[in-house]
């Protein structure tokens, strides 16, 4: 893949990340245990994107917030995109 694609893709990913930063830093308080569905937390009435985990240290996504799906998609894209681009580049190499 030519480096020119990163001239377009880089700023788009950066702007997307910057747009999500205010939502990411809006952290709620630890919710009651009955609001968890298995190991996932989903409460559409809670505006926080991240909430403290039920057990252990750290935070979990509030899957009731629609922006959590955007964050999850972005994380998956950041993991998968380098592999896809590598496969495309390897297939385009002269034999």
Protein backbone atom coordinates (compact mmCIF):
# COMPACT_ATOMS: atom_id res chain seq x y z
CA UNK A 1 0.00 0.00 0.00
CA UNK A 2 1.48 3.34 -0.95
CA UNK A 3 2.36 5.76 1.83
CA UNK A 4 -0.10 8.26 0.34
CA UNK A 5 -3.03 6.33 1.83
CA UNK A 6 -1.71 7.13 5.31
CA UNK A 7 -1.82 10.84 4.48
CA UNK A 8 -5.61 10.42 4.30
CA UNK A 9 -6.15 7.60 6.79
CA UNK A 10 -3.93 9.01 9.55
CA UNK A 11 -5.79 12.31 10.08
CA UNK A 12 -9.17 10.58 9.83
CA UNK A 13 -8.24 8.12 12.59
CA UNK A 14 -6.75 10.94 14.66
CA UNK A 15 -9.91 13.07 14.36
CA UNK A 16 -12.07 10.08 15.23
CA UNK A 17 -10.00 9.41 18.33
CA UNK A 18 -10.05 13.06 19.39
CA UNK A 19 -13.83 13.18 18.97
CA UNK A 20 -14.20 10.26 21.37
CA UNK A 21 -11.88 11.61 24.08
CA UNK A 22 -14.54 13.64 25.95
CA UNK A 23 -16.75 10.56 26.09
CA UNK A 24 -13.91 8.31 27.16
CA UNK A 25 -12.99 10.48 30.14
CA UNK A 26 -16.56 10.64 31.42
CA UNK A 27 -16.21 7.90 34.01
CA UNK A 28 -19.11 6.90 36.22
CA UNK A 29 -19.26 5.47 39.71
CA UNK A 30 -19.24 1.73 40.41
CA UNK A 31 -22.69 0.42 39.50
CA UNK A 32 -24.63 -2.09 41.60
CA UNK A 33 -24.05 -5.76 40.80
CA UNK A 34 -27.60 -6.30 39.53
CA UNK A 35 -26.95 -3.97 36.56
CA UNK A 36 -24.38 -6.37 35.12
CA UNK A 37 -25.42 -8.96 32.54
CA UNK A 38 -22.87 -11.70 33.05
CA UNK A 39 -19.52 -9.95 32.80
CA UNK A 40 -20.87 -7.08 30.64
CA UNK A 41 -22.34 -3.85 31.97
CA UNK A 42 -25.25 -2.37 30.05
CA UNK A 43 -27.31 0.52 31.36
CA UNK A 44 -28.69 2.99 28.77
CA UNK A 45 -29.70 5.38 31.58
CA UNK A 46 -26.07 5.75 32.71
CA UNK A 47 -24.34 8.35 30.45
CA UNK A 48 -20.81 7.19 31.41
CA UNK A 49 -18.88 5.36 28.72
CA UNK A 50 -16.55 3.66 31.21
CA UNK A 51 -17.57 2.39 34.64
CA UNK A 52 -15.43 0.70 37.30
CA UNK A 53 -15.30 -3.08 37.05
CA UNK A 54 -17.42 -5.17 39.36
CA UNK A 55 -14.33 -6.94 40.65
CA UNK A 56 -10.66 -6.21 40.26
CA UNK A 57 -8.92 -3.09 39.09
CA UNK A 58 -9.84 -1.13 35.99
CA UNK A 59 -12.82 -0.08 33.97
CA UNK A 60 -15.30 -1.69 31.62
CA UNK A 61 -17.42 -0.31 28.81
CA UNK A 62 -21.07 0.56 29.39
CA UNK A 63 -22.62 -1.31 26.45
CA UNK A 64 -25.87 0.59 27.00
CA UNK A 65 -24.08 3.70 25.72
CA UNK A 66 -24.07 3.72 21.88
CA UNK A 67 -20.55 5.20 21.84
CA UNK A 68 -19.17 2.05 23.46
CA UNK A 69 -19.79 0.21 20.20
CA UNK A 70 -17.82 2.89 18.33
CA UNK A 71 -14.92 2.49 20.78
CA UNK A 72 -15.06 -1.30 20.46
CA UNK A 73 -15.13 -1.04 16.64
CA UNK A 74 -12.17 1.34 16.70
CA UNK A 75 -10.16 -1.02 18.92
CA UNK A 76 -10.94 -3.99 16.66
CA UNK A 77 -10.05 -1.95 13.56
CA UNK A 78 -6.70 -0.93 15.08
CA UNK A 79 -5.89 -4.61 15.68
CA UNK A 80 -7.16 -6.01 12.36
CA UNK A 81 -6.15 -3.21 9.96
CA UNK A 82 -2.36 -3.83 10.10
CA UNK A 83 -2.89 -7.52 9.28
CA UNK A 84 -5.20 -6.74 6.37
CA UNK A 85 -2.78 -4.16 4.96
CA UNK A 86 0.11 -6.61 5.30
CA UNK A 87 -1.79 -9.31 3.39
CA UNK A 88 -2.66 -6.83 0.65
CA UNK A 89 0.96 -5.69 0.35
CA UNK A 90 2.30 -9.26 0.27
CA UNK A 91 -0.11 -10.21 -2.53
CA UNK A 92 0.98 -7.19 -4.58
CA UNK A 93 4.71 -7.99 -4.39
CA UNK A 94 6.24 -8.98 -7.73
CA UNK A 95 6.99 -12.67 -8.00
